Amino acid sequence: MRKPELPVLFNQYQSSLNKFTKGFYQNLLDPLYRTHRYFLGWIDEKGKESDSTGKAFRPSIMMLINEALGGKEQNILPLAMSIELFHNFSLIHDDIEDRDEIRRNRKTVWKIWGEQIGIISGSSMHALASKALEEINSEDKTKLIELRKIINETCIAVIEGQYLDIDFETRETIDVDDYLQMIEKKTGALIKTSVTLGSILEAKDKQTTEIFEDIGKTFGHMFQIKDDVLGIWGNSEFGKPIGSDILKKKKSFPILKLIQSSDSDDKKIVYNIFNNEIDEEKKETILKLMDKYDVESYCESILNDKYKHTISLIKKLEISDKYKNMLLDTNFFLMHRKR
């Protein structure tokens, strides 16, 4: 099987976005923004220049779609920056909520500067994500209102999804459909919006935008479900030890499917394990139960269904084969990535 990789063009998009965002921050000299520059990977915790930026998947897919429809990079960059800042704001707060001390192989903001600064840092980045929309060069006021409305709705959805995720930690019974609704908000909403915004500036008809919305929604599901699969059956070579999410007691998609599939005796075993501290022995018990109920195959079948659905959508698009192939490569990456 070929290696799952994002389109090479994503590197160019990341470089353009990084340059544009640094320009946006050029006059933001308050000490607060040192935490932003650190989290965005431009400096280390001592303030020295660094290059530790993230993948920028969401703005890159937006820029790809915009280009596929004939859009100009300078027109989409403010939107791409807004989405990337919003995504990073949510990660800064997410790290506090989950007590994560490491992200992108570096200490998290709250771990270095404390929770209070972490909250302020994330909140201020959220405000800048909204302010970034002022950089859009368009005289179409109706279009600008529509863009702001979409981003505001996405913001609400992501925060609602994060609330549900936290709420699920203390709820004993969670339906798989409830979980899919949660990830559609927490993870999927921003990916769907990135895809939609990539098309909305240039799409000549509503049908094209609707196809991209469907692609974005499916990409969002695939992204999170694959993350959940890697959290159970990941490879330590890529930083995801086998069963890492079990040890964290995360009620992820495979765990919920296990609970849903188990008979009454096995359900009791699962609930008992998750209601107490989990050690390596208990982790192995959960993994054996997952084998018993063929949970991994079920997760892969769900991913495969979504993968095939996206292929059918991409084929409907009236764009050049060059860009269709890049979207197909992205779909393949989401299906088969190792980390």
C-alpha atoms as a PDB file:
ATOM      1  CA  MET A   1       0.000   0.000   0.000  1.00  0.00           C
ATOM      2  CA  ARG A   2       1.256   3.489  -0.835  1.00  0.00           C
ATOM      3  CA  LYS A   3       2.338   5.765   1.980  1.00  0.00           C
ATOM      4  CA  PRO A   4      -0.473   8.001   3.310  1.00  0.00           C
ATOM      5  CA  GLU A   5       0.662  11.595   2.784  1.00  0.00           C
ATOM      6  CA  LEU A   6      -0.987  14.980   2.473  1.00  0.00           C
ATOM      7  CA  PRO A   7      -0.542  16.775  -0.877  1.00  0.00           C
ATOM      8  CA  VAL A   8       2.912  18.371  -1.265  1.00  0.00           C
ATOM      9  CA  LEU A   9       1.153  21.662  -2.026  1.00  0.00           C
ATOM     10  CA  PHE A  10       0.125  21.792   1.652  1.00  0.00           C
ATOM     11  CA  ASN A  11       3.740  22.715   2.502  1.00  0.00           C
ATOM     12  CA  GLN A  12       3.452  25.813   0.311  1.00  0.00           C
ATOM     13  CA  TYR A  13       0.149  26.762   1.907  1.00  0.00           C
ATOM     14  CA  GLN A  14       1.633  26.360   5.400  1.00  0.00           C
ATOM     15  CA  SER A  15       4.575  28.579   4.458  1.00  0.00           C
ATOM     16  CA  SER A  16       2.308  31.307   3.039  1.00  0.00           C
ATOM     17  CA  LEU A  17       0.000  31.144   6.055  1.00  0.00           C
ATOM     18  CA  ASN A  18       2.907  31.276   8.498  1.00  0.00           C
ATOM     19  CA  LYS A  19       4.349  34.371   6.785  1.00  0.00           C
ATOM     20  CA  PHE A  20       0.944  36.086   6.677  1.00  0.00           C
ATOM     21  CA  THR A  21       0.198  35.311  10.343  1.00  0.00           C
ATOM     22  CA  LYS A  22       3.614  36.565  11.490  1.00  0.00           C
ATOM     23  CA  GLY A  23       2.849  39.828   9.673  1.00  0.00           C
ATOM     24  CA  PHE A  24      -0.508  40.017  11.497  1.00  0.00           C
ATOM     25  CA  TYR A  25       1.326  39.653  14.832  1.00  0.00           C
ATOM     26  CA  GLN A  26       4.093  42.099  13.956  1.00  0.00           C
ATOM     27  CA  ASN A  27       2.620  45.005  15.921  1.00  0.00           C
ATOM     28  CA  LEU A  28       1.192  42.923  18.781  1.00  0.00           C
ATOM     29  CA  LEU A  29       3.924  43.645  21.318  1.00  0.00           C
ATOM     30  CA  ASP A  30       2.138  43.057  24.638  1.00  0.00           C
ATOM     31  CA  PRO A  31       3.874  40.305  26.701  1.00  0.00           C
ATOM     32  CA  LEU A  32       0.637  38.288  26.441  1.00  0.00           C
ATOM     33  CA  TYR A  33       1.371  37.506  22.798  1.00  0.00           C
ATOM     34  CA  ARG A  34       4.608  35.762  23.696  1.00  0.00           C
ATOM     35  CA  THR A  35       2.404  32.816  24.699  1.00  0.00           C
ATOM     36  CA  HIS A  36       0.777  32.915  21.243  1.00  0.00           C
ATOM     37  CA  ARG A  37       4.108  32.999  19.450  1.00  0.00           C
ATOM     38  CA  TYR A  38       5.267  30.084  21.574  1.00  0.00           C
ATOM     39  CA  PHE A  39       2.175  27.982  20.914  1.00  0.00           C
ATOM     40  CA  LEU A  40       2.288  28.771  17.196  1.00  0.00           C
ATOM     41  CA  GLY A  41       5.847  27.418  17.215  1.00  0.00           C
ATOM     42  CA  TRP A  42       7.781  30.590  16.357  1.00  0.00           C
ATOM     43  CA  ILE A  43       9.745  30.824  19.613  1.00  0.00           C
ATOM     44  CA  ASP A  44      10.738  28.497  22.436  1.00  0.00           C
ATOM     45  CA  GLU A  45       9.768  29.054  26.073  1.00  0.00           C
ATOM     46  CA  LYS A  46      12.813  31.306  26.584  1.00  0.00           C
ATOM     47  CA  GLY A  47      11.815  33.539  23.660  1.00  0.00           C
ATOM     48  CA  LYS A  48      14.437  32.304  21.199  1.00  0.00           C
ATOM     49  CA  GLU A  49      13.413  31.789  17.579  1.00  0.00           C
ATOM     50  CA  SER A  50      12.083  28.336  16.859  1.00  0.00           C
ATOM     51  CA  ASP A  51      10.391  26.399  14.078  1.00  0.00           C
ATOM     52  CA  SER A  52       7.873  24.052  15.626  1.00  0.00           C
ATOM     53  CA  THR A  53       4.650  24.826  13.785  1.00  0.00           C
ATOM     54  CA  GLY A  54       1.738  22.407  13.472  1.00  0.00           C
ATOM     55  CA  LYS A  55       0.434  20.735  10.317  1.00  0.00           C
ATOM     56  CA  ALA A  56      -2.127  23.505   9.625  1.00  0.00           C
ATOM     57  CA  PHE A  57      -4.395  20.870   8.069  1.00  0.00           C
ATOM     58  CA  ARG A  58      -7.595  22.912   8.290  1.00  0.00           C
ATOM     59  CA  PRO A  59      -6.399  26.134   6.625  1.00  0.00           C
ATOM     60  CA  SER A  60      -4.443  24.116   4.059  1.00  0.00           C
ATOM     61  CA  ILE A  61      -7.495  22.164   2.896  1.00  0.00           C
ATOM     62  CA  MET A  62      -9.358  25.485   2.740  1.00  0.00           C
ATOM     63  CA  MET A  63      -6.628  27.019   0.556  1.00  0.00           C
ATOM     64  CA  LEU A  64      -6.529  23.944  -1.688  1.00  0.00           C
ATOM     65  CA  ILE A  65     -10.264  24.099  -2.370  1.00  0.00           C
ATOM     66  CA  ASN A  66     -10.168  27.852  -2.934  1.00  0.00           C
ATOM     67  CA  GLU A  67      -7.376  27.405  -5.477  1.00  0.00           C
ATOM     68  CA  ALA A  68      -9.196  24.492  -7.145  1.00  0.00           C
ATOM     69  CA  LEU A  69     -12.127  26.827  -7.798  1.00  0.00           C
ATOM     70  CA  GLY A  70      -9.910  29.571  -9.241  1.00  0.00           C
ATOM     71  CA  GLY A  71      -9.493  31.693  -6.103  1.00  0.00           C
ATOM     72  CA  LYS A  72      -6.493  33.873  -5.291  1.00  0.00           C
ATOM     73  CA  GLU A  73      -4.293  33.090  -2.283  1.00  0.00           C
ATOM     74  CA  GLN A  74      -4.304  36.671  -0.966  1.00  0.00           C
ATOM     75  CA  ASN A  75      -8.105  36.578  -0.709  1.00  0.00           C
ATOM     76  CA  ILE A  76      -8.271  33.361   1.291  1.00  0.00           C
ATOM     77  CA  LEU A  77      -5.325  33.942   3.662  1.00  0.00           C
ATOM     78  CA  PRO A  78      -7.266  36.048   6.233  1.00  0.00           C
ATOM     79  CA  LEU A  79      -9.907  33.304   6.466  1.00  0.00           C
ATOM     80  CA  ALA A  80      -7.234  30.619   6.697  1.00  0.00           C
ATOM     81  CA  MET A  81      -5.502  32.553   9.475  1.00  0.00           C
ATOM     82  CA  SER A  82      -8.784  33.006  11.328  1.00  0.00           C
ATOM     83  CA  ILE A  83      -9.457  29.260  11.238  1.00  0.00           C
ATOM     84  CA  GLU A  84      -5.912  28.390  12.335  1.00  0.00           C
ATOM     85  CA  LEU A  85      -6.007  30.842  15.254  1.00  0.00           C
ATOM     86  CA  PHE A  86      -9.402  29.549  16.291  1.00  0.00           C
ATOM     87  CA  HIS A  87      -8.154  25.958  16.156  1.00  0.00           C
ATOM     88  CA  ASN A  88      -5.112  26.820  18.264  1.00  0.00           C
ATOM     89  CA  PHE A  89      -7.203  28.738  20.811  1.00  0.00           C
ATOM     90  CA  SER A  90      -9.320  25.611  21.297  1.00  0.00           C
ATOM     91  CA  LEU A  91      -6.183  23.491  21.764  1.00  0.00           C
ATOM     92  CA  ILE A  92      -4.751  25.822  24.427  1.00  0.00           C
ATOM     93  CA  HIS A  93      -7.969  25.500  26.442  1.00  0.00           C
ATOM     94  CA  ASP A  94      -8.281  21.796  25.644  1.00  0.00           C
ATOM     95  CA  ASP A  95      -4.840  21.188  27.175  1.00  0.00           C
ATOM     96  CA  ILE A  96      -5.984  22.818  30.422  1.00  0.00           C
ATOM     97  CA  GLU A  97      -9.241  20.848  30.521  1.00  0.00           C
ATOM     98  CA  ASP A  98      -7.485  17.531  29.825  1.00  0.00           C
ATOM     99  CA  ARG A  99      -4.455  18.336  32.040  1.00  0.00           C
ATOM    100  CA  ASP A 100      -2.167  17.606  29.078  1.00  0.00           C
ATOM    101  CA  GLU A 101       1.366  18.769  29.707  1.00  0.00           C
ATOM    102  CA  ILE A 102       2.849  18.078  26.256  1.00  0.00           C
ATOM    103  CA  ARG A 103       1.666  19.044  22.769  1.00  0.00           C
ATOM    104  CA  ARG A 104       3.729  18.880  19.566  1.00  0.00           C
ATOM    105  CA  ASN A 105       6.634  17.545  21.643  1.00  0.00           C
ATOM    106  CA  ARG A 106       6.739  20.757  23.725  1.00  0.00           C
ATOM    107  CA  LYS A 107       5.307  21.843  27.067  1.00  0.00           C
ATOM    108  CA  THR A 108       1.784  23.225  26.877  1.00  0.00           C
ATOM    109  CA  VAL A 109       1.100  26.906  27.592  1.00  0.00           C
ATOM    110  CA  TRP A 110      -0.555  26.295  30.963  1.00  0.00           C
ATOM    111  CA  LYS A 111       2.303  24.016  32.061  1.00  0.00           C
ATOM    112  CA  ILE A 112       4.825  26.822  31.528  1.00  0.00           C
ATOM    113  CA  TRP A 113       2.839  29.928  32.504  1.00  0.00           C
ATOM    114  CA  GLY A 114       0.059  28.480  34.685  1.00  0.00           C
ATOM    115  CA  GLU A 115      -3.669  27.932  34.196  1.00  0.00           C
ATOM    116  CA  GLN A 116      -4.695  31.585  34.518  1.00  0.00           C
ATOM    117  CA  ILE A 117      -2.322  32.709  31.766  1.00  0.00           C
ATOM    118  CA  GLY A 118      -3.354  29.666  29.725  1.00  0.00           C
ATOM    119  CA  ILE A 119      -7.008  30.714  29.883  1.00  0.00           C
ATOM    120  CA  ILE A 120      -6.180  34.331  29.002  1.00  0.00           C
ATOM    121  CA  SER A 121      -3.867  33.210  26.196  1.00  0.00           C
ATOM    122  CA  GLY A 122      -6.541  31.032  24.610  1.00  0.00           C
ATOM    123  CA  SER A 123      -9.294  33.606  25.023  1.00  0.00           C
ATOM    124  CA  SER A 124      -7.194  36.373  23.465  1.00  0.00           C
ATOM    125  CA  MET A 125      -6.291  34.117  20.525  1.00  0.00           C
ATOM    126  CA  HIS A 126     -10.013  33.494  20.035  1.00  0.00           C
ATOM    127  CA  ALA A 127     -10.563  37.261  19.901  1.00  0.00           C
ATOM    128  CA  LEU A 128      -7.780  37.633  17.329  1.00  0.00           C
ATOM    129  CA  ALA A 129      -9.318  34.845  15.231  1.00  0.00           C
ATOM    130  CA  SER A 130     -12.421  37.034  14.954  1.00  0.00           C
ATOM    131  CA  LYS A 131     -10.397  40.191  14.309  1.00  0.00           C
ATOM    132  CA  ALA A 132      -8.552  38.425  11.486  1.00  0.00           C
ATOM    133  CA  LEU A 133     -11.737  38.617   9.405  1.00  0.00           C
ATOM    134  CA  GLU A 134     -11.178  42.380   9.149  1.00  0.00           C
ATOM    135  CA  GLU A 135      -8.236  41.576   6.877  1.00  0.00           C
ATOM    136  CA  ILE A 136     -10.525  40.179   4.153  1.00  0.00           C
ATOM    137  CA  ASN A 137     -10.413  42.418   1.100  1.00  0.00           C
ATOM    138  CA  SER A 138     -13.973  42.312  -0.198  1.00  0.00           C
ATOM    139  CA  GLU A 139     -16.550  44.948  -1.015  1.00  0.00           C
ATOM    140  CA  ASP A 140     -19.323  42.337  -0.899  1.00  0.00           C
ATOM    141  CA  LYS A 141     -20.766  43.151   2.531  1.00  0.00           C
ATOM    142  CA  THR A 142     -23.376  40.376   2.274  1.00  0.00           C
ATOM    143  CA  LYS A 143     -20.610  37.831   1.700  1.00  0.00           C
ATOM    144  CA  LEU A 144     -18.648  39.143   4.683  1.00  0.00           C
ATOM    145  CA  ILE A 145     -21.723  38.866   6.912  1.00  0.00           C
ATOM    146  CA  GLU A 146     -22.231  35.294   5.704  1.00  0.00           C
ATOM    147  CA  LEU A 147     -18.607  34.388   6.439  1.00  0.00           C
ATOM    148  CA  ARG A 148     -18.760  35.838   9.937  1.00  0.00           C
ATOM    149  CA  LYS A 149     -22.043  34.030  10.590  1.00  0.00           C
ATOM    150  CA  ILE A 150     -20.515  30.680   9.546  1.00  0.00           C
ATOM    151  CA  ILE A 151     -17.471  31.185  11.768  1.00  0.00           C
ATOM    152  CA  ASN A 152     -19.577  32.270  14.759  1.00  0.00           C
ATOM    153  CA  GLU A 153     -21.814  29.213  14.371  1.00  0.00           C
ATOM    154  CA  THR A 154     -18.710  27.032  14.159  1.00  0.00           C
ATOM    155  CA  CYS A 155     -17.312  28.597  17.322  1.00  0.00           C
ATOM    156  CA  ILE A 156     -20.518  27.788  19.205  1.00  0.00           C
ATOM    157  CA  ALA A 157     -20.563  24.224  17.852  1.00  0.00           C
ATOM    158  CA  VAL A 158     -16.936  23.542  18.850  1.00  0.00           C
ATOM    159  CA  ILE A 159     -17.497  24.835  22.392  1.00  0.00           C
ATOM    160  CA  GLU A 160     -20.731  22.821  22.696  1.00  0.00           C
ATOM    161  CA  GLY A 161     -18.795  19.758  21.511  1.00  0.00           C
ATOM    162  CA  GLN A 162     -16.071  20.346  24.077  1.00  0.00           C
ATOM    163  CA  TYR A 163     -18.730  20.609  26.799  1.00  0.00           C
ATOM    164  CA  LEU A 164     -20.239  17.298  25.693  1.00  0.00           C
ATOM    165  CA  ASP A 165     -16.798  15.691  25.701  1.00  0.00           C
ATOM    166  CA  ILE A 166     -16.229  16.772  29.312  1.00  0.00           C
ATOM    167  CA  ASP A 167     -19.780  15.773  30.280  1.00  0.00           C
ATOM    168  CA  PHE A 168     -19.241  12.293  28.799  1.00  0.00           C
ATOM    169  CA  GLU A 169     -16.384  11.703  31.265  1.00  0.00           C
ATOM    170  CA  THR A 170     -18.857  11.426  34.162  1.00  0.00           C
ATOM    171  CA  ARG A 171     -21.759   9.812  32.289  1.00  0.00           C
ATOM    172  CA  GLU A 172     -21.853   6.047  32.543  1.00  0.00           C
ATOM    173  CA  THR A 173     -24.102   5.432  29.550  1.00  0.00           C
ATOM    174  CA  ILE A 174     -23.247   7.083  26.234  1.00  0.00           C
ATOM    175  CA  ASP A 175     -24.738   6.000  22.932  1.00  0.00           C
ATOM    176  CA  VAL A 176     -22.472   5.723  19.869  1.00  0.00           C
ATOM    177  CA  ASP A 177     -24.801   8.135  18.065  1.00  0.00           C
ATOM    178  CA  ASP A 178     -24.368  10.650  20.922  1.00  0.00           C
ATOM    179  CA  TYR A 179     -20.621  10.350  20.496  1.00  0.00           C
ATOM    180  CA  LEU A 180     -20.833  10.949  16.733  1.00  0.00           C
ATOM    181  CA  GLN A 181     -22.881  14.070  17.441  1.00  0.00           C
ATOM    182  CA  MET A 182     -20.187  15.242  19.865  1.00  0.00           C
ATOM    183  CA  ILE A 183     -17.298  14.760  17.423  1.00  0.00           C
ATOM    184  CA  GLU A 184     -19.319  16.377  14.653  1.00  0.00           C
ATOM    185  CA  LYS A 185     -19.233  19.491  16.824  1.00  0.00           C
ATOM    186  CA  LYS A 186     -15.911  19.349  18.653  1.00  0.00           C
ATOM    187  CA  THR A 187     -13.692  18.091  15.814  1.00  0.00           C
ATOM    188  CA  GLY A 188     -15.882  17.977  12.741  1.00  0.00           C
ATOM    189  CA  ALA A 189     -17.336  21.488  12.819  1.00  0.00           C
ATOM    190  CA  LEU A 190     -14.011  23.234  12.237  1.00  0.00           C
ATOM    191  CA  ILE A 191     -12.954  20.837   9.473  1.00  0.00           C
ATOM    192  CA  LYS A 192     -16.346  21.135   7.797  1.00  0.00           C
ATOM    193  CA  THR A 193     -16.175  24.929   8.035  1.00  0.00           C
ATOM    194  CA  SER A 194     -12.647  24.967   6.600  1.00  0.00           C
ATOM    195  CA  VAL A 195     -13.829  22.998   3.570  1.00  0.00           C
ATOM    196  CA  THR A 196     -16.989  25.120   3.213  1.00  0.00           C
ATOM    197  CA  LEU A 197     -15.132  28.437   3.481  1.00  0.00           C
ATOM    198  CA  GLY A 198     -12.652  27.226   0.878  1.00  0.00           C
ATOM    199  CA  SER A 199     -15.509  26.938  -1.589  1.00  0.00           C
ATOM    200  CA  ILE A 200     -17.811  29.750  -0.575  1.00  0.00           C
ATOM    201  CA  LEU A 201     -15.760  32.656  -1.966  1.00  0.00           C
ATOM    202  CA  GLU A 202     -15.471  31.131  -5.423  1.00  0.00           C
ATOM    203  CA  ALA A 203     -18.208  28.523  -5.923  1.00  0.00           C
ATOM    204  CA  LYS A 204     -20.537  29.546  -8.732  1.00  0.00           C
ATOM    205  CA  ASP A 205     -23.488  27.447  -7.602  1.00  0.00           C
ATOM    206  CA  LYS A 206     -25.087  26.191  -4.388  1.00  0.00           C
ATOM    207  CA  GLN A 207     -24.693  22.534  -5.392  1.00  0.00           C
ATOM    208  CA  THR A 208     -20.885  22.807  -5.379  1.00  0.00           C
ATOM    209  CA  THR A 209     -20.901  24.327  -1.899  1.00  0.00           C
ATOM    210  CA  GLU A 210     -23.245  21.590  -0.660  1.00  0.00           C
ATOM    211  CA  ILE A 211     -20.940  18.864  -2.001  1.00  0.00           C
ATOM    212  CA  PHE A 212     -17.991  20.466  -0.233  1.00  0.00           C
ATOM    213  CA  GLU A 213     -20.022  20.753   2.987  1.00  0.00           C
ATOM    214  CA  ASP A 214     -20.674  17.001   2.808  1.00  0.00           C
ATOM    215  CA  ILE A 215     -16.980  16.327   2.155  1.00  0.00           C
ATOM    216  CA  GLY A 216     -16.026  18.506   5.126  1.00  0.00           C
ATOM    217  CA  LYS A 217     -18.492  16.764   7.435  1.00  0.00           C
ATOM    218  CA  THR A 218     -17.164  13.331   6.424  1.00  0.00           C
ATOM    219  CA  PHE A 219     -13.532  14.439   6.732  1.00  0.00           C
ATOM    220  CA  GLY A 220     -14.317  15.594  10.284  1.00  0.00           C
ATOM    221  CA  HIS A 221     -15.782  12.213  11.241  1.00  0.00           C
ATOM    222  CA  MET A 222     -12.849  10.358   9.693  1.00  0.00           C
ATOM    223  CA  PHE A 223     -10.281  12.559  11.441  1.00  0.00           C
ATOM    224  CA  GLN A 224     -11.647  11.904  14.938  1.00  0.00           C
ATOM    225  CA  ILE A 225     -12.547   8.227  14.503  1.00  0.00           C
ATOM    226  CA  LYS A 226      -9.057   7.550  13.138  1.00  0.00           C
ATOM    227  CA  ASP A 227      -7.609   9.395  16.144  1.00  0.00           C
ATOM    228  CA  ASP A 228      -9.683   7.129  18.393  1.00  0.00           C
ATOM    229  CA  VAL A 229      -8.495   4.006  16.565  1.00  0.00           C
ATOM    230  CA  LEU A 230      -4.872   5.113  16.939  1.00  0.00           C
ATOM    231  CA  GLY A 231      -5.524   5.791  20.627  1.00  0.00           C
ATOM    232  CA  ILE A 232      -6.331   2.093  21.098  1.00  0.00           C
ATOM    233  CA  TRP A 233      -4.284   0.257  18.475  1.00  0.00           C
ATOM    234  CA  GLY A 234      -1.630   2.909  17.748  1.00  0.00           C
ATOM    235  CA  ASN A 235       2.073   2.343  17.305  1.00  0.00           C
ATOM    236  CA  SER A 236       4.600   3.562  19.901  1.00  0.00           C
ATOM    237  CA  GLU A 237       6.911   4.392  16.974  1.00  0.00           C
ATOM    238  CA  PHE A 238       4.548   7.250  16.190  1.00  0.00           C
ATOM    239  CA  GLY A 239       3.921   8.342  19.772  1.00  0.00           C
ATOM    240  CA  LYS A 240       0.699   6.390  20.331  1.00  0.00           C
ATOM    241  CA  PRO A 241       1.394   3.341  22.546  1.00  0.00           C
ATOM    242  CA  ILE A 242      -1.081   0.455  22.298  1.00  0.00           C
ATOM    243  CA  GLY A 243      -4.053   1.176  24.565  1.00  0.00           C
ATOM    244  CA  SER A 244      -2.966   4.696  25.536  1.00  0.00           C
ATOM    245  CA  ASP A 245      -6.548   6.002  25.554  1.00  0.00           C
ATOM    246  CA  ILE A 246      -7.655   3.076  27.733  1.00  0.00           C
ATOM    247  CA  LEU A 247      -5.134   4.075  30.397  1.00  0.00           C
ATOM    248  CA  LYS A 248      -6.488   7.642  30.175  1.00  0.00           C
ATOM    249  CA  LYS A 249     -10.051   6.262  30.595  1.00  0.00           C
ATOM    250  CA  LYS A 250     -11.178   8.099  27.477  1.00  0.00           C
ATOM    251  CA  LYS A 251     -14.646   7.064  26.371  1.00  0.00           C
ATOM    252  CA  SER A 252     -13.696   7.068  22.711  1.00  0.00           C
ATOM    253  CA  PHE A 253     -15.528   5.523  19.765  1.00  0.00           C
ATOM    254  CA  PRO A 254     -14.005   1.998  20.173  1.00  0.00           C
ATOM    255  CA  ILE A 255     -14.777   1.941  23.905  1.00  0.00           C
ATOM    256  CA  LEU A 256     -18.389   2.952  23.340  1.00  0.00           C
ATOM    257  CA  LYS A 257     -18.754   0.348  20.614  1.00  0.00           C
ATOM    258  CA  LEU A 258     -17.328  -2.272  23.009  1.00  0.00           C
ATOM    259  CA  ILE A 259     -19.884  -1.333  25.669  1.00  0.00           C
ATOM    260  CA  GLN A 260     -22.691  -1.378  23.118  1.00  0.00           C
ATOM    261  CA  SER A 261     -21.633  -4.822  21.776  1.00  0.00           C
ATOM    262  CA  SER A 262     -20.852  -6.577  25.086  1.00  0.00           C
ATOM    263  CA  ASP A 263     -23.139  -8.999  26.858  1.00  0.00           C
ATOM    264  CA  SER A 264     -24.267  -8.129  30.391  1.00  0.00           C
ATOM    265  CA  ASP A 265     -21.351  -9.871  32.127  1.00  0.00           C
ATOM    266  CA  ASP A 266     -18.713  -8.228  29.969  1.00  0.00           C
ATOM    267  CA  LYS A 267     -20.420  -4.847  30.331  1.00  0.00           C
ATOM    268  CA  LYS A 268     -19.993  -5.146  34.099  1.00  0.00           C
ATOM    269  CA  ILE A 269     -16.292  -5.895  33.619  1.00  0.00           C
ATOM    270  CA  VAL A 270     -15.831  -2.843  31.391  1.00  0.00           C
ATOM    271  CA  TYR A 271     -17.738  -0.500  33.722  1.00  0.00           C
ATOM    272  CA  ASN A 272     -15.842  -1.814  36.747  1.00  0.00           C
ATOM    273  CA  ILE A 273     -12.491  -1.208  35.053  1.00  0.00           C
ATOM    274  CA  PHE A 274     -13.404   2.313  33.927  1.00  0.00           C
ATOM    275  CA  ASN A 275     -14.776   3.235  37.359  1.00  0.00           C
ATOM    276  CA  ASN A 276     -11.398   2.526  38.981  1.00  0.00           C
ATOM    277  CA  GLU A 277      -7.732   3.139  38.286  1.00  0.00           C
ATOM    278  CA  ILE A 278      -6.572   1.349  35.147  1.00  0.00           C
ATOM    279  CA  ASP A 279      -3.239  -0.465  35.126  1.00  0.00           C
ATOM    280  CA  GLU A 280      -1.545  -2.493  32.378  1.00  0.00           C
ATOM    281  CA  GLU A 281      -3.334  -5.692  33.382  1.00  0.00           C
ATOM    282  CA  LYS A 282      -6.771  -4.072  33.168  1.00  0.00           C
ATOM    283  CA  LYS A 283      -5.810  -2.446  29.897  1.00  0.00           C
ATOM    284  CA  GLU A 284      -5.033  -5.904  28.477  1.00  0.00           C
ATOM    285  CA  THR A 285      -8.441  -7.112  29.662  1.00  0.00           C
ATOM    286  CA  ILE A 286     -10.130  -4.346  27.675  1.00  0.00           C
ATOM    287  CA  LEU A 287      -8.005  -5.112  24.594  1.00  0.00           C
ATOM    288  CA  LYS A 288      -8.947  -8.808  24.791  1.00  0.00           C
ATOM    289  CA  LEU A 289     -12.621  -7.892  25.043  1.00  0.00           C
ATOM    290  CA  MET A 290     -12.230  -5.686  21.983  1.00  0.00           C
ATOM    291  CA  ASP A 291     -10.794  -8.662  20.124  1.00  0.00           C
ATOM    292  CA  LYS A 292     -13.687 -10.804  21.326  1.00  0.00           C
ATOM    293  CA  TYR A 293     -16.264  -8.385  19.926  1.00  0.00           C
ATOM    294  CA  ASP A 294     -14.243  -7.493  16.809  1.00  0.00           C
ATOM    295  CA  VAL A 295     -14.338  -3.776  17.639  1.00  0.00           C
ATOM    296  CA  GLU A 296     -11.303  -2.836  15.526  1.00  0.00           C
ATOM    297  CA  SER A 297     -12.861  -4.342  12.384  1.00  0.00           C
ATOM    298  CA  TYR A 298     -16.078  -2.446  13.078  1.00  0.00           C
ATOM    299  CA  CYS A 299     -14.201   0.867  13.401  1.00  0.00           C
ATOM    300  CA  GLU A 300     -12.295   0.185  10.191  1.00  0.00           C
ATOM    301  CA  SER A 301     -15.546  -0.632   8.377  1.00  0.00           C
ATOM    302  CA  ILE A 302     -17.043   2.689   9.470  1.00  0.00           C
ATOM    303  CA  LEU A 303     -13.932   4.510   8.263  1.00  0.00           C
ATOM    304  CA  ASN A 304     -14.019   2.616   4.978  1.00  0.00           C
ATOM    305  CA  ASP A 305     -17.681   3.529   4.394  1.00  0.00           C
ATOM    306  CA  LYS A 306     -16.883   7.195   4.931  1.00  0.00           C
ATOM    307  CA  TYR A 307     -13.767   6.910   2.755  1.00  0.00           C
ATOM    308  CA  LYS A 308     -15.812   5.494  -0.152  1.00  0.00           C
ATOM    309  CA  HIS A 309     -18.549   8.095   0.366  1.00  0.00           C
ATOM    310  CA  THR A 310     -16.006  10.907   0.065  1.00  0.00           C
ATOM    311  CA  ILE A 311     -14.563   9.422  -3.128  1.00  0.00           C
ATOM    312  CA  SER A 312     -18.044   9.485  -4.682  1.00  0.00           C
ATOM    313  CA  LEU A 313     -18.472  13.139  -3.664  1.00  0.00           C
ATOM    314  CA  ILE A 314     -15.081  14.213  -5.034  1.00  0.00           C
ATOM    315  CA  LYS A 315     -15.879  12.589  -8.383  1.00  0.00           C
ATOM    316  CA  LYS A 316     -19.001  14.782  -8.662  1.00  0.00           C
ATOM    317  CA  LEU A 317     -16.995  17.999  -8.421  1.00  0.00           C
ATOM    318  CA  GLU A 318     -16.445  20.077 -11.547  1.00  0.00           C
ATOM    319  CA  ILE A 319     -12.777  20.850 -10.898  1.00  0.00           C
ATOM    320  CA  SER A 320      -9.610  19.790 -12.707  1.00  0.00           C
ATOM    321  CA  ASP A 321      -8.216  16.281 -12.218  1.00  0.00           C
ATOM    322  CA  LYS A 322      -5.134  17.836 -10.583  1.00  0.00           C
ATOM    323  CA  TYR A 323      -7.178  19.091  -7.635  1.00  0.00           C
ATOM    324  CA  LYS A 324      -9.482  16.076  -7.565  1.00  0.00           C
ATOM    325  CA  ASN A 325      -6.409  13.887  -7.124  1.00  0.00           C
ATOM    326  CA  MET A 326      -5.158  16.062  -4.274  1.00  0.00           C
ATOM    327  CA  LEU A 327      -8.517  15.764  -2.512  1.00  0.00           C
ATOM    328  CA  LEU A 328      -8.405  12.001  -3.075  1.00  0.00           C
ATOM    329  CA  ASP A 329      -4.890  11.943  -1.566  1.00  0.00           C
ATOM    330  CA  THR A 330      -6.209  13.846   1.455  1.00  0.00           C
ATOM    331  CA  ASN A 331      -9.029  11.336   1.824  1.00  0.00           C
ATOM    332  CA  PHE A 332      -6.515   8.457   1.599  1.00  0.00           C
ATOM    333  CA  PHE A 333      -4.348  10.143   4.241  1.00  0.00           C
ATOM    334  CA  LEU A 334      -7.261  10.486   6.685  1.00  0.00           C
ATOM    335  CA  MET A 335      -8.142   6.823   6.157  1.00  0.00           C
ATOM    336  CA  HIS A 336      -4.659   5.332   6.494  1.00  0.00           C
ATOM    337  CA  ARG A 337      -2.546   7.768   8.554  1.00  0.00           C
ATOM    338  CA  LYS A 338      -0.380   6.295  11.306  1.00  0.00           C
ATOM    339  CA  ARG A 339      -0.385   9.282  13.680  1.00  0.00           C
END
